[in-house]
Structures are given as C-alpha cells and as structure tokens.
Amino acid sequence: MPRIEYRVYVIELSKKIFTENTKFRLANPQFNGVLECLYVGMTSKTPKERFIQHKTGYRNKKGHKLSSSIVQKYGSYLRPSLYNHIDPLPTRHQAEQMERILALELRRKGYAVWFN
C-alpha cells in the first residue's frame, strides 16, 4: 500500500470576500487591501485535485461536504509560489500544523487569510 503524504496549498480568493463575508473580514483586521485574499488548506491529494473538489462542492460517500464554501464561491486559482517551498508531510497532524504556520505567516506579511 502506498504511503500517504499530505500537502499544504494556497488558493487565491476574490477580494469580494472581504466586503461580503463578515467572518472573513473579522479574522483579518490587519488587511489593508494591498495584497490578496487567500485560503490555506492541506490535503492528501494534489493541490489541483483538491482545488477542483472545492469548486465542485465535493461530498464524500456518506454525503458529508468536504469542500469549503468560501473556496467554492470565491476561489480563483492556486498560488503555488506561496506553498511550493513546503515539502510533503508524512502525517495529517504535521500537515495541519504546517497549514496553521503558513496561514499565520501569510497574514503577518499582509495577506487576508482563511484556514481551518
């Protein structure tokens, strides 16, 4: 059985999210409108496969929604230049930690960021 690896990825969001989504705006009080709005996630799939799942409103076999409605509505495209430096991670826990680290790092740089 092949070993599962997890990847962290970044999706650029339409700036409309900042005016239309109060939770997003409140999560990003530092945002000054200069840089982009982003979604940071992690996956055991390729970032491209995961982006497609978000945009199509993917549900698992049990019917649970596994896509972000924020990405479905506002997601524009992947931003590999913001995550390609991060190697695949061996565990889900490590990927979740890296997702948080990257999201907070991007916020500090002035991006508006949403992550789980």
PDB file of N, CA and C in Angstrom:
ATOM      1  N   MET A   1       0.842  -1.194   0.000  1.00  0.00           N
ATOM      2  CA  MET A   1       0.000   0.000   0.000  1.00  0.00           C
ATOM      3  C   MET A   1       0.882   1.251   0.000  1.00  0.00           C
ATOM      4  N   PRO A   2       0.616   2.196  -0.923  1.00  0.00           N
ATOM      5  CA  PRO A   2       1.465   3.393  -0.976  1.00  0.00           C
ATOM      6  C   PRO A   2       1.296   4.259   0.272  1.00  0.00           C
ATOM      7  N   ARG A   3       2.366   4.905   0.660  1.00  0.00           N
ATOM      8  CA  ARG A   3       2.346   5.769   1.829  1.00  0.00           C
ATOM      9  C   ARG A   3       1.618   7.069   1.488  1.00  0.00           C
ATOM     10  N   ILE A   4       0.734   7.502   2.355  1.00  0.00           N
ATOM     11  CA  ILE A   4       0.013   8.753   2.135  1.00  0.00           C
ATOM     12  C   ILE A   4       0.903   9.913   2.574  1.00  0.00           C
ATOM     13  N   GLU A   5       0.957  10.931   1.727  1.00  0.00           N
ATOM     14  CA  GLU A   5       1.652  12.169   2.079  1.00  0.00           C
ATOM     15  C   GLU A   5       0.638  13.302   2.020  1.00  0.00           C
ATOM     16  N   TYR A   6       0.871  14.302   2.829  1.00  0.00           N
ATOM     17  CA  TYR A   6      -0.025  15.447   2.894  1.00  0.00           C
ATOM     18  C   TYR A   6       0.681  16.691   2.380  1.00  0.00           C
ATOM     19  N   ARG A   7      -0.067  17.516   1.699  1.00  0.00           N
ATOM     20  CA  ARG A   7       0.480  18.749   1.139  1.00  0.00           C
ATOM     21  C   ARG A   7      -0.333  19.943   1.629  1.00  0.00           C
ATOM     22  N   VAL A   8       0.367  21.043   1.819  1.00  0.00           N
ATOM     23  CA  VAL A   8      -0.273  22.306   2.153  1.00  0.00           C
ATOM     24  C   VAL A   8      -0.389  23.078   0.841  1.00  0.00           C
ATOM     25  N   TYR A   9      -1.502  23.799   0.664  1.00  0.00           N
ATOM     26  CA  TYR A   9      -1.719  24.544  -0.578  1.00  0.00           C
ATOM     27  C   TYR A   9      -2.372  25.887  -0.276  1.00  0.00           C
ATOM     28  N   VAL A  10      -2.292  26.796  -1.256  1.00  0.00           N
ATOM     29  CA  VAL A  10      -2.867  28.131  -1.112  1.00  0.00           C
ATOM     30  C   VAL A  10      -3.701  28.440  -2.348  1.00  0.00           C
ATOM     31  N   ILE A  11      -4.897  28.956  -2.110  1.00  0.00           N
ATOM     32  CA  ILE A  11      -5.801  29.362  -3.184  1.00  0.00           C
ATOM     33  C   ILE A  11      -6.064  30.856  -3.048  1.00  0.00           C
ATOM     34  N   GLU A  12      -5.946  31.570  -4.155  1.00  0.00           N
ATOM     35  CA  GLU A  12      -6.300  32.988  -4.136  1.00  0.00           C
ATOM     36  C   GLU A  12      -7.815  33.111  -4.217  1.00  0.00           C
ATOM     37  N   LEU A  13      -8.348  34.021  -3.406  1.00  0.00           N
ATOM     38  CA  LEU A  13      -9.784  34.280  -3.359  1.00  0.00           C
ATOM     39  C   LEU A  13     -10.071  35.653  -3.965  1.00  0.00           C
ATOM     40  N   SER A  14     -11.256  35.786  -4.513  1.00  0.00           N
ATOM     41  CA  SER A  14     -11.698  37.094  -4.995  1.00  0.00           C
ATOM     42  C   SER A  14     -11.750  38.064  -3.817  1.00  0.00           C
ATOM     43  N   LYS A  15     -11.334  39.306  -4.046  1.00  0.00           N
ATOM     44  CA  LYS A  15     -11.369  40.304  -2.965  1.00  0.00           C
ATOM     45  C   LYS A  15     -12.793  40.639  -2.536  1.00  0.00           C
ATOM     46  N   LYS A  16     -13.777  40.214  -3.318  1.00  0.00           N
ATOM     47  CA  LYS A  16     -15.181  40.428  -2.926  1.00  0.00           C
ATOM     48  C   LYS A  16     -15.465  39.801  -1.566  1.00  0.00           C
ATOM     49  N   ILE A  17     -14.723  38.740  -1.227  1.00  0.00           N
ATOM     50  CA  ILE A  17     -14.961  38.063   0.051  1.00  0.00           C
ATOM     51  C   ILE A  17     -14.789  39.033   1.219  1.00  0.00           C
ATOM     52  N   PHE A  18     -13.866  39.979   1.075  1.00  0.00           N
ATOM     53  CA  PHE A  18     -13.590  40.879   2.188  1.00  0.00           C
ATOM     54  C   PHE A  18     -14.776  41.796   2.484  1.00  0.00           C
ATOM     55  N   THR A  19     -15.522  42.179   1.470  1.00  0.00           N
ATOM     56  CA  THR A  19     -16.684  43.040   1.695  1.00  0.00           C
ATOM     57  C   THR A  19     -17.957  42.233   1.943  1.00  0.00           C
ATOM     58  N   GLU A  20     -18.016  41.010   1.431  1.00  0.00           N
ATOM     59  CA  GLU A  20     -19.244  40.218   1.526  1.00  0.00           C
ATOM     60  C   GLU A  20     -19.294  39.245   2.713  1.00  0.00           C
ATOM     61  N   ASN A  21     -18.139  38.900   3.285  1.00  0.00           N
ATOM     62  CA  ASN A  21     -18.104  37.876   4.323  1.00  0.00           C
ATOM     63  C   ASN A  21     -17.573  38.468   5.634  1.00  0.00           C
ATOM     64  N   THR A  22     -18.464  38.690   6.579  1.00  0.00           N
ATOM     65  CA  THR A  22     -18.099  39.315   7.852  1.00  0.00           C
ATOM     66  C   THR A  22     -17.092  38.486   8.643  1.00  0.00           C
ATOM     67  N   LYS A  23     -17.275  37.160   8.696  1.00  0.00           N
ATOM     68  CA  LYS A  23     -16.327  36.308   9.444  1.00  0.00           C
ATOM     69  C   LYS A  23     -14.919  36.449   8.880  1.00  0.00           C
ATOM     70  N   PHE A  24     -14.811  36.455   7.549  1.00  0.00           N
ATOM     71  CA  PHE A  24     -13.502  36.596   6.907  1.00  0.00           C
ATOM     72  C   PHE A  24     -12.884  37.954   7.270  1.00  0.00           C
ATOM     73  N   ARG A  25     -13.686  39.002   7.189  1.00  0.00           N
ATOM     74  CA  ARG A  25     -13.201  40.350   7.497  1.00  0.00           C
ATOM     75  C   ARG A  25     -12.746  40.446   8.952  1.00  0.00           C
ATOM     76  N   LEU A  26     -13.534  39.890   9.871  1.00  0.00           N
ATOM     77  CA  LEU A  26     -13.171  39.939  11.288  1.00  0.00           C
ATOM     78  C   LEU A  26     -11.916  39.129  11.598  1.00  0.00           C
ATOM     79  N   ALA A  27     -11.675  38.076  10.829  1.00  0.00           N
ATOM     80  CA  ALA A  27     -10.482  37.237  11.036  1.00  0.00           C
ATOM     81  C   ALA A  27      -9.214  37.910  10.516  1.00  0.00           C
ATOM     82  N   ASN A  28      -9.378  38.992   9.763  1.00  0.00           N
ATOM     83  CA  ASN A  28      -8.228  39.645   9.125  1.00  0.00           C
ATOM     84  C   ASN A  28      -8.217  41.156   9.351  1.00  0.00           C
ATOM     85  N   PRO A  29      -8.192  41.596  10.628  1.00  0.00           N
ATOM     86  CA  PRO A  29      -8.234  43.046  10.890  1.00  0.00           C
ATOM     87  C   PRO A  29      -6.998  43.783  10.383  1.00  0.00           C
ATOM     88  N   GLN A  30      -5.906  43.036  10.141  1.00  0.00           N
ATOM     89  CA  GLN A  30      -4.655  43.659   9.680  1.00  0.00           C
ATOM     90  C   GLN A  30      -4.672  43.971   8.188  1.00  0.00           C
ATOM     91  N   PHE A  31      -5.655  43.457   7.451  1.00  0.00           N
ATOM     92  CA  PHE A  31      -5.662  43.553   5.986  1.00  0.00           C
ATOM     93  C   PHE A  31      -5.905  44.987   5.533  1.00  0.00           C
ATOM     94  N   ASN A  32      -5.015  45.469   4.629  1.00  0.00           N
ATOM     95  CA  ASN A  32      -5.160  46.851   4.146  1.00  0.00           C
ATOM     96  C   ASN A  32      -5.578  46.914   2.673  1.00  0.00           C
ATOM     97  N   GLY A  33      -5.880  45.761   2.063  1.00  0.00           N
ATOM     98  CA  GLY A  33      -6.361  45.764   0.684  1.00  0.00           C
ATOM     99  C   GLY A  33      -5.285  45.738  -0.382  1.00  0.00           C
ATOM    100  N   VAL A  34      -4.012  45.788   0.020  1.00  0.00           N
ATOM    101  CA  VAL A  34      -2.931  45.824  -0.963  1.00  0.00           C
ATOM    102  C   VAL A  34      -2.660  44.433  -1.542  1.00  0.00           C
ATOM    103  N   LEU A  35      -2.488  43.447  -0.677  1.00  0.00           N
ATOM    104  CA  LEU A  35      -2.211  42.086  -1.142  1.00  0.00           C
ATOM    105  C   LEU A  35      -3.522  41.332  -1.365  1.00  0.00           C
ATOM    106  N   GLU A  36      -3.428  40.036  -1.646  1.00  0.00           N
ATOM    107  CA  GLU A  36      -4.602  39.243  -1.995  1.00  0.00           C
ATOM    108  C   GLU A  36      -5.259  38.602  -0.776  1.00  0.00           C
ATOM    109  N   CYS A  37      -6.471  38.098  -1.011  1.00  0.00           N
ATOM    110  CA  CYS A  37      -7.186  37.278  -0.040  1.00  0.00           C
ATOM    111  C   CYS A  37      -6.875  35.823  -0.387  1.00  0.00           C
ATOM    112  N   LEU A  38      -6.590  35.005   0.626  1.00  0.00           N
ATOM    113  CA  LEU A  38      -6.133  33.642   0.396  1.00  0.00           C
ATOM    114  C   LEU A  38      -6.869  32.635   1.277  1.00  0.00           C
ATOM    115  N   TYR A  39      -6.885  31.394   0.800  1.00  0.00           N
ATOM    116  CA  TYR A  39      -7.346  30.254   1.588  1.00  0.00           C
ATOM    117  C   TYR A  39      -6.159  29.305   1.690  1.00  0.00           C
ATOM    118  N   VAL A  40      -5.832  28.856   2.884  1.00  0.00           N
ATOM    119  CA  VAL A  40      -4.754  27.887   3.078  1.00  0.00           C
ATOM    120  C   VAL A  40      -5.382  26.582   3.557  1.00  0.00           C
ATOM    121  N   GLY A  41      -5.020  25.486   2.901  1.00  0.00           N
ATOM    122  CA  GLY A  41      -5.549  24.185   3.273  1.00  0.00           C
ATOM    123  C   GLY A  41      -4.476  23.118   3.209  1.00  0.00           C
ATOM    124  N   MET A  42      -4.871  21.899   3.560  1.00  0.00           N
ATOM    125  CA  MET A  42      -3.955  20.768   3.438  1.00  0.00           C
ATOM    126  C   MET A  42      -4.751  19.580   2.901  1.00  0.00           C
ATOM    127  N   THR A  43      -4.043  18.678   2.213  1.00  0.00           N
ATOM    128  CA  THR A  43      -4.717  17.580   1.533  1.00  0.00           C
ATOM    129  C   THR A  43      -3.785  16.396   1.343  1.00  0.00           C
ATOM    130  N   SER A  44      -4.383  15.215   1.158  1.00  0.00           N
ATOM    131  CA  SER A  44      -3.604  14.034   0.784  1.00  0.00           C
ATOM    132  C   SER A  44      -3.635  13.864  -0.740  1.00  0.00           C
ATOM    133  N   LYS A  45      -4.333  14.736  -1.426  1.00  0.00           N
ATOM    134  CA  LYS A  45      -4.415  14.708  -2.887  1.00  0.00           C
ATOM    135  C   LYS A  45      -3.422  15.723  -3.445  1.00  0.00           C
ATOM    136  N   THR A  46      -3.429  15.918  -4.754  1.00  0.00           N
ATOM    137  CA  THR A  46      -2.617  17.004  -5.292  1.00  0.00           C
ATOM    138  C   THR A  46      -3.380  18.304  -5.035  1.00  0.00           C
ATOM    139  N   PRO A  47      -2.692  19.426  -4.915  1.00  0.00           N
ATOM    140  CA  PRO A  47      -3.408  20.687  -4.735  1.00  0.00           C
ATOM    141  C   PRO A  47      -4.431  20.935  -5.850  1.00  0.00           C
ATOM    142  N   LYS A  48      -4.102  20.565  -7.075  1.00  0.00           N
ATOM    143  CA  LYS A  48      -5.033  20.771  -8.187  1.00  0.00           C
ATOM    144  C   LYS A  48      -6.309  19.947  -7.994  1.00  0.00           C
ATOM    145  N   GLU A  49      -6.161  18.664  -7.606  1.00  0.00           N
ATOM    146  CA  GLU A  49      -7.341  17.820  -7.355  1.00  0.00           C
ATOM    147  C   GLU A  49      -8.205  18.415  -6.240  1.00  0.00           C
ATOM    148  N   ARG A  50      -7.543  18.909  -5.189  1.00  0.00           N
ATOM    149  CA  ARG A  50      -8.278  19.462  -4.055  1.00  0.00           C
ATOM    150  C   ARG A  50      -9.004  20.742  -4.444  1.00  0.00           C
ATOM    151  N   PHE A  51      -8.360  21.586  -5.249  1.00  0.00           N
ATOM    152  CA  PHE A  51      -8.989  22.815  -5.711  1.00  0.00           C
ATOM    153  C   PHE A  51     -10.266  22.488  -6.497  1.00  0.00           C
ATOM    154  N   ILE A  52     -10.189  21.491  -7.367  1.00  0.00           N
ATOM    155  CA  ILE A  52     -11.362  21.076  -8.150  1.00  0.00           C
ATOM    156  C   ILE A  52     -12.472  20.591  -7.223  1.00  0.00           C
ATOM    157  N   GLN A  53     -12.115  19.828  -6.186  1.00  0.00           N
ATOM    158  CA  GLN A  53     -13.121  19.374  -5.219  1.00  0.00           C
ATOM    159  C   GLN A  53     -13.819  20.567  -4.556  1.00  0.00           C
ATOM    160  N   HIS A  54     -13.040  21.563  -4.159  1.00  0.00           N
ATOM    161  CA  HIS A  54     -13.633  22.750  -3.540  1.00  0.00           C
ATOM    162  C   HIS A  54     -14.608  23.430  -4.501  1.00  0.00           C
ATOM    163  N   LYS A  55     -14.192  23.611  -5.742  1.00  0.00           N
ATOM    164  CA  LYS A  55     -15.005  24.356  -6.705  1.00  0.00           C
ATOM    165  C   LYS A  55     -16.278  23.606  -7.097  1.00  0.00           C
ATOM    166  N   THR A  56     -16.253  22.280  -7.007  1.00  0.00           N
ATOM    167  CA  THR A  56     -17.429  21.494  -7.400  1.00  0.00           C
ATOM    168  C   THR A  56     -18.303  21.092  -6.213  1.00  0.00           C
ATOM    169  N   GLY A  57     -17.944  21.531  -4.991  1.00  0.00           N
ATOM    170  CA  GLY A  57     -18.752  21.219  -3.808  1.00  0.00           C
ATOM    171  C   GLY A  57     -18.712  19.751  -3.429  1.00  0.00           C
ATOM    172  N   TYR A  58     -17.529  19.153  -3.495  1.00  0.00           N
ATOM    173  CA  TYR A  58     -17.327  17.720  -3.256  1.00  0.00           C
ATOM    174  C   TYR A  58     -17.929  17.237  -1.938  1.00  0.00           C
ATOM    175  N   ARG A  59     -18.594  16.084  -2.005  1.00  0.00           N
ATOM    176  CA  ARG A  59     -19.107  15.381  -0.820  1.00  0.00           C
ATOM    177  C   ARG A  59     -18.551  13.962  -0.835  1.00  0.00           C
ATOM    178  N   ASN A  60     -18.306  13.410   0.363  1.00  0.00           N
ATOM    179  CA  ASN A  60     -17.814  12.032   0.421  1.00  0.00           C
ATOM    180  C   ASN A  60     -18.973  11.051   0.224  1.00  0.00           C
ATOM    181  N   LYS A  61     -18.660   9.757   0.284  1.00  0.00           N
ATOM    182  CA  LYS A  61     -19.678   8.718   0.046  1.00  0.00           C
ATOM    183  C   LYS A  61     -20.829   8.778   1.051  1.00  0.00           C
ATOM    184  N   LYS A  62     -20.554   9.312   2.241  1.00  0.00           N
ATOM    185  CA  LYS A  62     -21.605   9.435   3.258  1.00  0.00           C
ATOM    186  C   LYS A  62     -22.413  10.721   3.089  1.00  0.00           C
ATOM    187  N   GLY A  63     -22.046  11.517   2.101  1.00  0.00           N
ATOM    188  CA  GLY A  63     -22.784  12.751   1.847  1.00  0.00           C
ATOM    189  C   GLY A  63     -22.297  13.965   2.616  1.00  0.00           C
ATOM    190  N   HIS A  64     -21.194  13.810   3.364  1.00  0.00           N
ATOM    191  CA  HIS A  64     -20.653  14.945   4.112  1.00  0.00           C
ATOM    192  C   HIS A  64     -19.891  15.872   3.172  1.00  0.00           C
ATOM    193  N   LYS A  65     -20.164  17.156   3.277  1.00  0.00           N
ATOM    194  CA  LYS A  65     -19.484  18.126   2.424  1.00  0.00           C
ATOM    195  C   LYS A  65     -18.036  18.266   2.877  1.00  0.00           C
ATOM    196  N   LEU A  66     -17.119  18.041   1.954  1.00  0.00           N
ATOM    197  CA  LEU A  66     -15.696  18.127   2.269  1.00  0.00           C
ATOM    198  C   LEU A  66     -15.019  19.268   1.526  1.00  0.00           C
ATOM    199  N   SER A  67     -15.824  20.179   1.008  1.00  0.00           N
ATOM    200  CA  SER A  67     -15.253  21.319   0.311  1.00  0.00           C
ATOM    201  C   SER A  67     -15.597  22.585   1.082  1.00  0.00           C
ATOM    202  N   SER A  68     -14.780  23.590   0.915  1.00  0.00           N
ATOM    203  CA  SER A  68     -15.005  24.858   1.589  1.00  0.00           C
ATOM    204  C   SER A  68     -15.957  25.715   0.752  1.00  0.00           C
ATOM    205  N   SER A  69     -17.038  26.173   1.374  1.00  0.00           N
ATOM    206  CA  SER A  69     -17.975  27.033   0.637  1.00  0.00           C
ATOM    207  C   SER A  69     -17.303  28.364   0.283  1.00  0.00           C
ATOM    208  N   ILE A  70     -16.333  28.786   1.081  1.00  0.00           N
ATOM    209  CA  ILE A  70     -15.583  30.012   0.775  1.00  0.00           C
ATOM    210  C   ILE A  70     -14.823  29.842  -0.533  1.00  0.00           C
ATOM    211  N   VAL A  71     -14.146  28.695  -0.692  1.00  0.00           N
ATOM    212  CA  VAL A  71     -13.402  28.457  -1.933  1.00  0.00           C
ATOM    213  C   VAL A  71     -14.366  28.242  -3.091  1.00  0.00           C
ATOM    214  N   GLN A  72     -15.458  27.532  -2.822  1.00  0.00           N
ATOM    215  CA  GLN A  72     -16.423  27.280  -3.892  1.00  0.00           C
ATOM    216  C   GLN A  72     -16.935  28.602  -4.463  1.00  0.00           C
ATOM    217  N   LYS A  73     -17.225  29.557  -3.596  1.00  0.00           N
ATOM    218  CA  LYS A  73     -17.794  30.828  -4.047  1.00  0.00           C
ATOM    219  C   LYS A  73     -16.730  31.826  -4.515  1.00  0.00           C
ATOM    220  N   TYR A  74     -15.597  31.912  -3.802  1.00  0.00           N
ATOM    221  CA  TYR A  74     -14.627  32.977  -4.059  1.00  0.00           C
ATOM    222  C   TYR A  74     -13.283  32.515  -4.633  1.00  0.00           C
ATOM    223  N   GLY A  75     -13.044  31.191  -4.675  1.00  0.00           N
ATOM    224  CA  GLY A  75     -11.740  30.698  -5.111  1.00  0.00           C
ATOM    225  C   GLY A  75     -11.460  31.007  -6.574  1.00  0.00           C
ATOM    226  N   SER A  76     -10.271  31.542  -6.845  1.00  0.00           N
ATOM    227  CA  SER A  76      -9.884  31.892  -8.212  1.00  0.00           C
ATOM    228  C   SER A  76      -8.908  30.880  -8.804  1.00  0.00           C
ATOM    229  N   TYR A  77      -7.791  30.666  -8.133  1.00  0.00           N
ATOM    230  CA  TYR A  77      -6.787  29.733  -8.637  1.00  0.00           C
ATOM    231  C   TYR A  77      -5.761  29.436  -7.552  1.00  0.00           C
ATOM    232  N   LEU A  78      -4.978  28.390  -7.790  1.00  0.00           N
ATOM    233  CA  LEU A  78      -3.902  28.012  -6.875  1.00  0.00           C
ATOM    234  C   LEU A  78      -2.766  29.021  -6.962  1.00  0.00           C
ATOM    235  N   ARG A  79      -2.060  29.192  -5.850  1.00  0.00           N
ATOM    236  CA  ARG A  79      -0.896  30.082  -5.789  1.00  0.00           C
ATOM    237  C   ARG A  79       0.342  29.267  -5.388  1.00  0.00           C
ATOM    238  N   PRO A  80       0.855  28.429  -6.307  1.00  0.00           N
ATOM    239  CA  PRO A  80       1.983  27.548  -5.962  1.00  0.00           C
ATOM    240  C   PRO A  80       3.215  28.276  -5.439  1.00  0.00           C
ATOM    241  N   SER A  81       3.443  29.510  -5.868  1.00  0.00           N
ATOM    242  CA  SER A  81       4.635  30.233  -5.404  1.00  0.00           C
ATOM    243  C   SER A  81       4.597  30.468  -3.895  1.00  0.00           C
ATOM    244  N   LEU A  82       3.405  30.357  -3.296  1.00  0.00           N
ATOM    245  CA  LEU A  82       3.286  30.569  -1.849  1.00  0.00           C
ATOM    246  C   LEU A  82       3.381  29.272  -1.047  1.00  0.00           C
ATOM    247  N   TYR A  83       3.412  28.112  -1.727  1.00  0.00           N
ATOM    248  CA  TYR A  83       3.488  26.847  -0.977  1.00  0.00           C
ATOM    249  C   TYR A  83       4.463  25.817  -1.536  1.00  0.00           C
ATOM    250  N   ASN A  84       4.998  26.037  -2.728  1.00  0.00           N
ATOM    251  CA  ASN A  84       5.893  25.030  -3.323  1.00  0.00           C
ATOM    252  C   ASN A  84       7.159  24.769  -2.515  1.00  0.00           C
ATOM    253  N   HIS A  85       7.538  25.688  -1.652  1.00  0.00           N
ATOM    254  CA  HIS A  85       8.736  25.503  -0.829  1.00  0.00           C
ATOM    255  C   HIS A  85       8.505  24.524   0.329  1.00  0.00           C
ATOM    256  N   ILE A  86       7.258  24.122   0.534  1.00  0.00           N
ATOM    257  CA  ILE A  86       6.938  23.212   1.647  1.00  0.00           C
ATOM    258  C   ILE A  86       6.867  21.777   1.128  1.00  0.00           C
ATOM    259  N   ASP A  87       7.730  20.939   1.638  1.00  0.00           N
ATOM    260  CA  ASP A  87       7.760  19.538   1.217  1.00  0.00           C
ATOM    261  C   ASP A  87       6.521  18.799   1.726  1.00  0.00           C
ATOM    262  N   PRO A  88       6.119  17.723   1.021  1.00  0.00           N
ATOM    263  CA  PRO A  88       5.014  16.890   1.527  1.00  0.00           C
ATOM    264  C   PRO A  88       5.335  16.404   2.939  1.00  0.00           C
ATOM    265  N   LEU A  89       4.286  16.257   3.741  1.00  0.00           N
ATOM    266  CA  LEU A  89       4.450  15.862   5.139  1.00  0.00           C
ATOM    267  C   LEU A  89       3.894  14.464   5.362  1.00  0.00           C
ATOM    268  N   PRO A  90       4.501  13.691   6.270  1.00  0.00           N
ATOM    269  CA  PRO A  90       4.110  12.290   6.443  1.00  0.00           C
ATOM    270  C   PRO A  90       2.828  12.052   7.234  1.00  0.00           C
ATOM    271  N   THR A  91       2.410  13.033   8.053  1.00  0.00           N
ATOM    272  CA  THR A  91       1.205  12.795   8.853  1.00  0.00           C
ATOM    273  C   THR A  91       0.218  13.948   8.702  1.00  0.00           C
ATOM    274  N   ARG A  92      -1.036  13.629   8.917  1.00  0.00           N
ATOM    275  CA  ARG A  92      -2.100  14.637   8.866  1.00  0.00           C
ATOM    276  C   ARG A  92      -1.855  15.719   9.921  1.00  0.00           C
ATOM    277  N   HIS A  93      -1.453  15.291  11.108  1.00  0.00           N
ATOM    278  CA  HIS A  93      -1.200  16.233  12.200  1.00  0.00           C
ATOM    279  C   HIS A  93      -0.121  17.248  11.807  1.00  0.00           C
ATOM    280  N   GLN A  94       0.978  16.777  11.222  1.00  0.00           N
ATOM    281  CA  GLN A  94       2.051  17.685  10.799  1.00  0.00           C
ATOM    282  C   GLN A  94       1.550  18.645   9.715  1.00  0.00           C
ATOM    283  N   ALA A  95       0.722  18.145   8.810  1.00  0.00           N
ATOM    284  CA  ALA A  95       0.179  18.990   7.749  1.00  0.00           C
ATOM    285  C   ALA A  95      -0.748  20.055   8.325  1.00  0.00           C
ATOM    286  N   GLU A  96      -1.555  19.684   9.315  1.00  0.00           N
ATOM    287  CA  GLU A  96      -2.444  20.659   9.956  1.00  0.00           C
ATOM    288  C   GLU A  96      -1.634  21.748  10.661  1.00  0.00           C
ATOM    289  N   GLN A  97      -0.536  21.337  11.310  1.00  0.00           N
ATOM    290  CA  GLN A  97       0.328  22.320  11.967  1.00  0.00           C
ATOM    291  C   GLN A  97       0.955  23.263  10.939  1.00  0.00           C
ATOM    292  N   MET A  98       1.435  22.691   9.824  1.00  0.00           N
ATOM    293  CA  MET A  98       2.072  23.499   8.783  1.00  0.00           C
ATOM    294  C   MET A  98       1.059  24.443   8.121  1.00  0.00           C
ATOM    295  N   GLU A  99      -0.176  23.966   7.959  1.00  0.00           N
ATOM    296  CA  GLU A  99      -1.252  24.797   7.400  1.00  0.00           C
ATOM    297  C   GLU A  99      -1.417  26.059   8.262  1.00  0.00           C
ATOM    298  N   ARG A 100      -1.465  25.869   9.574  1.00  0.00           N
ATOM    299  CA  ARG A 100      -1.626  26.992  10.503  1.00  0.00           C
ATOM    300  C   ARG A 100      -0.409  27.924  10.461  1.00  0.00           C
ATOM    301  N   ILE A 101       0.794  27.344  10.461  1.00  0.00           N
ATOM    302  CA  ILE A 101       2.028  28.142  10.426  1.00  0.00           C
ATOM    303  C   ILE A 101       2.056  29.002   9.160  1.00  0.00           C
ATOM    304  N   LEU A 102       1.776  28.389   8.023  1.00  0.00           N
ATOM    305  CA  LEU A 102       1.803  29.122   6.754  1.00  0.00           C
ATOM    306  C   LEU A 102       0.732  30.215   6.735  1.00  0.00           C
ATOM    307  N   ALA A 103      -0.475  29.890   7.182  1.00  0.00           N
ATOM    308  CA  ALA A 103      -1.558  30.872   7.182  1.00  0.00           C
ATOM    309  C   ALA A 103      -1.197  32.095   8.030  1.00  0.00           C
ATOM    310  N   LEU A 104      -0.658  31.860   9.204  1.00  0.00           N
ATOM    311  CA  LEU A 104      -0.304  32.971  10.088  1.00  0.00           C
ATOM    312  C   LEU A 104       0.878  33.765   9.537  1.00  0.00           C
ATOM    313  N   GLU A 105       1.816  33.085   8.884  1.00  0.00           N
ATOM    314  CA  GLU A 105       2.947  33.756   8.248  1.00  0.00           C
ATOM    315  C   GLU A 105       2.451  34.677   7.119  1.00  0.00           C
ATOM    316  N   LEU A 106       1.512  34.183   6.316  1.00  0.00           N
ATOM    317  CA  LEU A 106       0.971  34.989   5.224  1.00  0.00           C
ATOM    318  C   LEU A 106       0.178  36.178   5.769  1.00  0.00           C
ATOM    319  N   ARG A 107      -0.546  35.973   6.857  1.00  0.00           N
ATOM    320  CA  ARG A 107      -1.261  37.096   7.486  1.00  0.00           C
ATOM    321  C   ARG A 107      -0.278  38.162   7.949  1.00  0.00           C
ATOM    322  N   ARG A 108       0.821  37.722   8.574  1.00  0.00           N
ATOM    323  CA  ARG A 108       1.830  38.685   9.050  1.00  0.00           C
ATOM    324  C   ARG A 108       2.409  39.495   7.892  1.00  0.00           C
ATOM    325  N   LYS A 109       2.460  38.870   6.704  1.00  0.00           N
ATOM    326  CA  LYS A 109       3.001  39.573   5.523  1.00  0.00           C
ATOM    327  C   LYS A 109       1.976  40.530   4.902  1.00  0.00           C
ATOM    328  N   GLY A 110       0.735  40.507   5.389  1.00  0.00           N
ATOM    329  CA  GLY A 110      -0.261  41.451   4.911  1.00  0.00           C
ATOM    330  C   GLY A 110      -1.382  40.874   4.075  1.00  0.00           C
ATOM    331  N   TYR A 111      -1.378  39.565   3.857  1.00  0.00           N
ATOM    332  CA  TYR A 111      -2.478  38.930   3.146  1.00  0.00           C
ATOM    333  C   TYR A 111      -3.669  38.759   4.087  1.00  0.00           C
ATOM    334  N   ALA A 112      -4.872  38.685   3.510  1.00  0.00           N
ATOM    335  CA  ALA A 112      -6.054  38.278   4.280  1.00  0.00           C
ATOM    336  C   ALA A 112      -6.196  36.777   4.065  1.00  0.00           C
ATOM    337  N   VAL A 113      -6.247  35.988   5.151  1.00  0.00           N
ATOM    338  CA  VAL A 113      -6.150  34.534   5.035  1.00  0.00           C
ATOM    339  C   VAL A 113      -7.276  33.833   5.800  1.00  0.00           C
ATOM    340  N   TRP A 114      -7.817  32.786   5.175  1.00  0.00           N
ATOM    341  CA  TRP A 114      -8.787  31.901   5.829  1.00  0.00           C
ATOM    342  C   TRP A 114      -8.188  30.509   5.881  1.00  0.00           C
ATOM    343  N   PHE A 115      -8.285  29.856   7.028  1.00  0.00           N
ATOM    344  CA  PHE A 115      -7.830  28.466   7.169  1.00  0.00           C
ATOM    345  C   PHE A 115      -8.649  27.824   8.272  1.00  0.00           C
ATOM    346  N   ASN A 116      -8.585  26.490   8.338  1.00  0.00           N
ATOM    347  CA  ASN A 116      -9.367  25.774   9.363  1.00  0.00           C
ATOM    348  C   ASN A 116      -8.554  25.547  10.617  1.00  0.00           C
TER     349      ASN A 116
END
